């Protein structure tokens, strides 16, 4: 089994190196401060999972081309911009083991840097007349923003139900993963049915990924996500394990749990809420739903031609949803 990213990206190793050079060249600027920050960003070596998804999605249905590299750059720039803005909102002081942009250059420059990266990605698409990419990515930005705002609103009211939860994680998380696969496919084929298969594949693994991440909040620590137990509860985020437990317990107990969440502070211990979710079957239920999405993603891949890139896409499912350390 290809249980690490180096093995997963083996079929596209050469193309990934070309992409790296392409990406760096498109970030060069004559504005001194911008150039300094972009060089700093490039030091923050991420896993590049999104460009890998783009290139594998292109390779599974056709030939990886410069258009594939432009698509990969577009999603990576959007992702980087989102992370910078998230760090400002969350007042985070670290990103990938280095001080965050806002910690080094303060919030105003960080926000402007995020705006610049997004606009740079859009310009790459415009200059090369990749208008189908633009249509896809602007819809993604809209969905990501709507998902974040819906979650904030529901966290304040604590009235989230299961359909609303799926809407939030689909827009916030799955939309960008789906976009990676769709843009990769669009860069290599014009067949809309094939493009739709890969779009739905990305959506499914994105949903499974987020549900598994939400489960981890109740069962332990994940160094992959850097997430300690109970943080979602302390942030008053109502996720699937808790939603199921609240709906499937007696109203009096559910009411007491909601009252506890409303008054919870960052310094509190959420262990009683975690025990409630475990006892009520919320974790088992969420695991079942995540597995349903995993099975759907595998069934979608079976509809595509068999090659090395398809094999890596099968393995990337496991990488996304099964690593816990």
Protein backbone atom coordinates (compact mmCIF):
# COMPACT_ATOMS: atom_id res chain seq x y z
CA UNK A 1 0.00 0.00 0.00
CA UNK A 2 1.18 3.50 -0.86
CA UNK A 3 0.83 4.75 2.67
CA UNK A 4 2.86 7.93 2.28
CA UNK A 5 2.73 10.90 -0.02
CA UNK A 6 6.08 10.17 -1.69
CA UNK A 7 4.75 6.88 -3.01
CA UNK A 8 1.39 8.40 -3.95
CA UNK A 9 3.00 11.10 -6.09
CA UNK A 10 5.47 8.71 -7.76
CA UNK A 11 3.58 8.60 -11.12
CA UNK A 12 3.76 12.41 -11.40
CA UNK A 13 7.17 13.07 -9.79
CA UNK A 14 8.64 14.62 -12.92
CA UNK A 15 5.56 16.77 -13.55
CA UNK A 16 5.53 17.95 -9.92
CA UNK A 17 9.06 19.27 -10.29
CA UNK A 18 8.04 21.16 -13.43
CA UNK A 19 5.08 22.54 -11.50
CA UNK A 20 7.33 23.70 -8.64
CA UNK A 21 9.45 25.70 -11.08
CA UNK A 22 6.32 27.05 -12.80
CA UNK A 23 4.81 28.07 -9.46
CA UNK A 24 7.95 29.88 -8.27
CA UNK A 25 8.35 31.76 -11.56
CA UNK A 26 4.76 33.00 -11.36
CA UNK A 27 5.30 34.41 -7.87
CA UNK A 28 8.24 36.61 -8.85
CA UNK A 29 7.57 40.32 -8.61
CA UNK A 30 9.52 43.59 -8.78
CA UNK A 31 7.86 44.89 -5.61
CA UNK A 32 10.46 44.35 -2.90
CA UNK A 33 8.17 43.59 0.04
CA UNK A 34 5.97 41.25 -2.02
CA UNK A 35 9.01 39.38 -3.28
CA UNK A 36 10.37 39.05 0.27
CA UNK A 37 7.07 37.62 1.57
CA UNK A 38 6.61 35.23 -1.36
CA UNK A 39 10.12 33.86 -0.81
CA UNK A 40 9.23 33.40 2.86
CA UNK A 41 6.02 31.61 1.87
CA UNK A 42 7.94 29.20 -0.35
CA UNK A 43 10.04 28.21 2.68
CA UNK A 44 6.85 26.98 4.38
CA UNK A 45 6.98 23.64 2.65
CA UNK A 46 3.49 22.14 2.72
CA UNK A 47 2.55 18.73 1.42
CA UNK A 48 1.24 20.20 -1.87
CA UNK A 49 -1.69 17.80 -1.68
CA UNK A 50 -3.89 20.05 -3.82
CA UNK A 51 -1.48 20.33 -6.77
CA UNK A 52 -0.93 16.57 -6.49
CA UNK A 53 -4.70 16.06 -6.78
CA UNK A 54 -4.85 18.34 -9.83
CA UNK A 55 -2.04 16.53 -11.63
CA UNK A 56 -3.26 13.03 -10.75
CA UNK A 57 -6.76 13.98 -11.92
CA UNK A 58 -5.29 15.16 -15.22
CA UNK A 59 -3.11 12.06 -15.55
CA UNK A 60 -5.94 9.62 -14.90
CA UNK A 61 -7.99 10.92 -17.87
CA UNK A 62 -5.36 12.23 -20.30
CA UNK A 63 -2.07 14.07 -20.58
CA UNK A 64 -0.62 16.46 -18.00
CA UNK A 65 0.14 19.74 -19.77
CA UNK A 66 1.02 23.35 -19.03
CA UNK A 67 -2.71 23.95 -18.63
CA UNK A 68 -2.62 21.39 -15.80
CA UNK A 69 0.21 23.36 -14.17
CA UNK A 70 -1.81 26.58 -14.46
CA UNK A 71 -4.78 24.86 -12.80
CA UNK A 72 -2.57 23.51 -10.01
CA UNK A 73 -1.07 26.98 -9.46
CA UNK A 74 -4.54 28.53 -9.31
CA UNK A 75 -5.79 26.19 -6.56
CA UNK A 76 -2.52 26.39 -4.61
CA UNK A 77 -2.61 30.19 -4.68
CA UNK A 78 -6.24 30.20 -3.56
CA UNK A 79 -5.42 27.74 -0.76
CA UNK A 80 -2.40 29.81 0.36
CA UNK A 81 -4.47 33.00 0.36
CA UNK A 82 -7.14 31.29 2.46
CA UNK A 83 -4.58 30.07 5.01
CA UNK A 84 -3.08 33.55 5.39
CA UNK A 85 -6.51 35.10 5.93
CA UNK A 86 -7.44 32.31 8.38
CA UNK A 87 -4.29 33.03 10.40
CA UNK A 88 -5.31 36.68 10.66
CA UNK A 89 -8.85 35.79 11.77
CA UNK A 90 -7.58 33.20 14.27
CA UNK A 91 -4.68 35.40 15.43
CA UNK A 92 -2.40 32.41 14.77
CA UNK A 93 1.31 32.92 15.28
CA UNK A 94 2.62 29.84 13.45
CA UNK A 95 2.10 28.11 10.12
CA UNK A 96 3.92 24.90 9.17
CA UNK A 97 6.49 25.32 11.91
CA UNK A 98 7.41 28.91 11.02
CA UNK A 99 6.03 32.24 12.27
CA UNK A 100 2.88 33.13 10.33
CA UNK A 101 2.77 36.05 7.88
CA UNK A 102 0.65 38.09 10.30
CA UNK A 103 3.07 37.36 13.16
CA UNK A 104 6.02 38.67 11.15
CA UNK A 105 4.47 41.50 9.10
CA UNK A 106 1.23 42.22 11.05
CA UNK A 107 -2.39 41.84 9.98
CA UNK A 108 -2.71 44.57 7.35
CA UNK A 109 0.16 43.26 5.23
CA UNK A 110 -1.04 39.66 5.75
CA UNK A 111 -4.55 40.49 4.46
CA UNK A 112 -3.11 42.33 1.45
CA UNK A 113 -0.76 39.41 0.78
CA UNK A 114 -3.68 36.98 0.77
CA UNK A 115 -5.53 39.28 -1.66
CA UNK A 116 -2.44 39.45 -3.88
CA UNK A 117 -2.06 35.66 -4.07
CA UNK A 118 -5.71 35.20 -5.01
CA UNK A 119 -5.52 37.90 -7.69
CA UNK A 120 -2.26 36.40 -9.03
CA UNK A 121 -3.97 33.06 -9.48
CA UNK A 122 -6.92 34.64 -11.25
CA UNK A 123 -4.58 36.58 -13.54
CA UNK A 124 -2.75 33.40 -14.58
CA UNK A 125 -6.12 32.02 -15.69
CA UNK A 126 -7.21 35.25 -17.44
CA UNK A 127 -3.90 35.71 -19.30
CA UNK A 128 -4.17 32.18 -20.68
CA UNK A 129 -7.91 32.34 -21.38
CA UNK A 130 -8.65 29.50 -18.93
CA UNK A 131 -12.16 30.83 -18.45
CA UNK A 132 -13.55 27.45 -17.42
CA UNK A 133 -11.07 27.45 -14.53
CA UNK A 134 -12.24 30.92 -13.52
CA UNK A 135 -15.87 29.85 -13.48
CA UNK A 136 -15.01 26.87 -11.27
CA UNK A 137 -12.73 28.71 -8.85
CA UNK A 138 -14.99 31.75 -8.33
CA UNK A 139 -17.85 29.42 -7.43
CA UNK A 140 -15.48 27.70 -4.98
CA UNK A 141 -14.51 31.00 -3.29
CA UNK A 142 -18.23 31.83 -2.96
CA UNK A 143 -18.98 28.42 -1.41
CA UNK A 144 -16.03 28.59 1.01
CA UNK A 145 -17.11 32.03 2.24
CA UNK A 146 -20.76 30.99 2.60
CA UNK A 147 -19.78 27.83 4.50
CA UNK A 148 -17.60 29.74 6.94
CA UNK A 149 -20.26 32.38 7.59
CA UNK A 150 -23.00 29.76 8.00
CA UNK A 151 -20.88 27.91 10.57
CA UNK A 152 -20.20 31.12 12.52
CA UNK A 153 -23.90 31.96 12.54
CA UNK A 154 -24.94 28.47 13.62
CA UNK A 155 -22.25 28.32 16.32
CA UNK A 156 -23.76 31.44 17.87
CA UNK A 157 -27.29 30.02 17.83
CA UNK A 158 -26.35 26.35 18.49
CA UNK A 159 -29.27 25.22 16.31
CA UNK A 160 -27.38 23.25 13.67
CA UNK A 161 -28.98 20.10 12.24
CA UNK A 162 -27.52 17.29 10.12
CA UNK A 163 -28.38 18.73 6.64
CA UNK A 164 -26.92 22.11 7.67
CA UNK A 165 -23.74 20.40 8.92
CA UNK A 166 -23.29 18.66 5.55
CA UNK A 167 -23.86 21.97 3.77
CA UNK A 168 -21.19 23.65 5.91
CA UNK A 169 -18.48 21.02 5.43
CA UNK A 170 -19.30 20.63 1.74
CA UNK A 171 -18.83 24.36 1.17
CA UNK A 172 -15.97 24.98 3.63
CA UNK A 173 -13.79 21.92 2.98
CA UNK A 174 -14.99 19.61 0.23
CA UNK A 175 -15.48 22.38 -2.35
CA UNK A 176 -11.76 23.08 -2.77
CA UNK A 177 -10.81 19.39 -2.95
CA UNK A 178 -13.57 18.87 -5.51
CA UNK A 179 -12.27 21.87 -7.46
CA UNK A 180 -8.74 20.40 -7.57
CA UNK A 181 -10.05 17.23 -9.17
CA UNK A 182 -12.38 19.07 -11.54
CA UNK A 183 -9.72 21.50 -12.76
CA UNK A 184 -7.24 18.67 -13.23
CA UNK A 185 -9.76 16.78 -15.32
CA UNK A 186 -10.68 19.89 -17.33
CA UNK A 187 -7.02 20.44 -18.17
CA UNK A 188 -6.84 17.01 -19.85
CA UNK A 189 -10.29 16.25 -21.29
CA UNK A 190 -13.43 17.94 -22.63
CA UNK A 191 -15.69 15.04 -21.67
CA UNK A 192 -18.17 16.48 -19.16
CA UNK A 193 -19.16 13.07 -17.81
CA UNK A 194 -15.54 12.29 -16.92
CA UNK A 195 -15.08 15.75 -15.41
CA UNK A 196 -18.23 15.23 -13.31
CA UNK A 197 -16.93 11.88 -12.00
CA UNK A 198 -13.72 13.51 -10.75
CA UNK A 199 -15.58 16.51 -9.33
CA UNK A 200 -17.83 14.17 -7.34
CA UNK A 201 -14.83 12.07 -6.31
CA UNK A 202 -13.14 15.15 -4.82
CA UNK A 203 -16.35 16.18 -3.06
CA UNK A 204 -16.70 12.71 -1.51
CA UNK A 205 -13.15 12.50 -0.15
CA UNK A 206 -13.47 16.08 1.12
CA UNK A 207 -16.62 15.16 3.04
CA UNK A 208 -15.02 12.00 4.47
CA UNK A 209 -11.89 13.96 5.41
CA UNK A 210 -13.81 16.61 7.34
CA UNK A 211 -16.08 14.13 9.14
CA UNK A 212 -13.04 12.11 10.21
CA UNK A 213 -11.34 15.31 11.37
CA UNK A 214 -14.42 16.16 13.41
CA UNK A 215 -14.41 12.66 14.94
CA UNK A 216 -10.78 13.18 16.00
CA UNK A 217 -11.92 16.03 18.22
CA UNK A 218 -13.65 13.42 20.38
CA UNK A 219 -11.19 10.53 20.34
CA UNK A 220 -7.67 11.89 20.62
CA UNK A 221 -4.76 13.87 19.26
CA UNK A 222 -3.78 13.98 15.60
CA UNK A 223 -0.38 15.35 14.68
CA UNK A 224 -1.52 15.38 11.03
CA UNK A 225 -4.05 18.08 11.83
CA UNK A 226 -2.32 19.49 14.90
CA UNK A 227 -5.59 19.17 16.77
CA UNK A 228 -6.09 18.37 20.46
CA UNK A 229 -9.16 16.70 21.88
CA UNK A 230 -12.19 18.89 22.57
CA UNK A 231 -11.13 22.04 20.70
CA UNK A 232 -14.28 22.11 18.53
CA UNK A 233 -16.44 21.91 21.65
CA UNK A 234 -14.55 24.79 23.28
CA UNK A 235 -15.09 26.78 20.05
CA UNK A 236 -18.81 25.87 20.22
CA UNK A 237 -18.62 24.07 16.88
CA UNK A 238 -21.47 21.60 16.63
CA UNK A 239 -20.24 18.72 14.45
CA UNK A 240 -21.77 15.42 13.36
CA UNK A 241 -20.97 13.26 16.44
CA UNK A 242 -22.61 15.82 18.72
CA UNK A 243 -25.54 16.52 16.36
CA UNK A 244 -26.44 12.82 16.26
CA UNK A 245 -26.08 12.47 20.04
CA UNK A 246 -28.29 15.48 20.78
CA UNK A 247 -31.04 14.22 18.45
CA UNK A 248 -30.93 10.66 19.76
CA UNK A 249 -30.90 11.28 23.51
CA UNK A 250 -33.73 12.21 25.83
CA UNK A 251 -34.66 15.90 25.55
CA UNK A 252 -33.74 16.67 29.15
CA UNK A 253 -30.17 15.36 28.79
CA UNK A 254 -29.74 17.05 25.39
CA UNK A 255 -30.95 20.32 26.89
CA UNK A 256 -28.44 20.08 29.71
CA UNK A 257 -25.59 19.44 27.24
CA UNK A 258 -26.62 22.43 25.09
CA UNK A 259 -26.78 24.61 28.19
CA UNK A 260 -23.26 23.46 29.13
CA UNK A 261 -21.95 24.28 25.63
CA UNK A 262 -23.54 27.75 25.68
CA UNK A 263 -21.66 28.66 28.85
CA UNK A 264 -18.40 26.80 28.12
CA UNK A 265 -15.11 28.74 28.30
CA UNK A 266 -11.79 28.08 26.58
CA UNK A 267 -10.26 27.05 29.90
CA UNK A 268 -13.00 24.49 30.70
CA UNK A 269 -12.67 20.72 30.47
CA UNK A 270 -15.13 19.32 27.88
CA UNK A 271 -14.78 15.69 29.08
CA UNK A 272 -18.43 15.35 30.18
CA UNK A 273 -19.64 16.39 26.71
CA UNK A 274 -17.19 13.95 25.08
CA UNK A 275 -18.46 11.13 27.31
CA UNK A 276 -22.06 12.04 26.39
CA UNK A 277 -21.22 11.75 22.68
CA UNK A 278 -19.41 8.43 23.15
CA UNK A 279 -22.30 6.99 25.18
CA UNK A 280 -24.93 8.20 22.70
CA UNK A 281 -23.31 6.56 19.67
CA UNK A 282 -22.36 9.81 17.95
CA UNK A 283 -18.83 8.69 17.09
CA UNK A 284 -19.97 5.36 15.63
CA UNK A 285 -22.63 7.11 13.56
CA UNK A 286 -20.17 9.68 12.20
CA UNK A 287 -17.71 6.87 11.33
CA UNK A 288 -20.46 5.15 9.35
CA UNK A 289 -21.24 8.31 7.36
CA UNK A 290 -17.54 8.91 6.67
CA UNK A 291 -17.22 5.33 5.42
CA UNK A 292 -20.21 5.85 3.12
CA UNK A 293 -18.39 8.78 1.50
CA UNK A 294 -15.18 6.74 1.23
CA UNK A 295 -17.08 3.93 -0.51
CA UNK A 296 -18.69 6.44 -2.87
CA UNK A 297 -15.30 7.91 -3.81
CA UNK A 298 -13.92 4.43 -4.56
CA UNK A 299 -16.94 3.53 -6.70
CA UNK A 300 -16.48 6.73 -8.71
CA UNK A 301 -12.81 5.92 -9.38
CA UNK A 302 -13.79 2.46 -10.64
CA UNK A 303 -15.59 4.25 -13.50
CA UNK A 304 -12.26 5.60 -14.83
CA UNK A 305 -9.55 3.85 -16.85
CA UNK A 306 -7.02 1.86 -14.89
CA UNK A 307 -3.54 3.40 -14.78
CA UNK A 308 -0.88 4.51 -12.29
CA UNK A 309 -2.62 7.80 -11.58
CA UNK A 310 -5.88 6.03 -10.75
CA UNK A 311 -4.00 3.73 -8.36
CA UNK A 312 -2.54 6.79 -6.62
CA UNK A 313 -5.99 8.40 -6.36
CA UNK A 314 -7.25 5.26 -4.63
CA UNK A 315 -4.38 5.53 -2.16
CA UNK A 316 -4.87 9.24 -1.60
CA UNK A 317 -8.30 8.41 -0.18
CA UNK A 318 -6.57 6.50 2.60
CA UNK A 319 -4.03 9.30 3.06
CA UNK A 320 -6.82 11.86 3.46
CA UNK A 321 -9.13 9.99 5.79
CA UNK A 322 -7.23 7.27 7.64
CA UNK A 323 -4.02 8.85 8.96
CA UNK A 324 -4.31 9.67 12.64
CA UNK A 325 -0.70 10.35 13.56
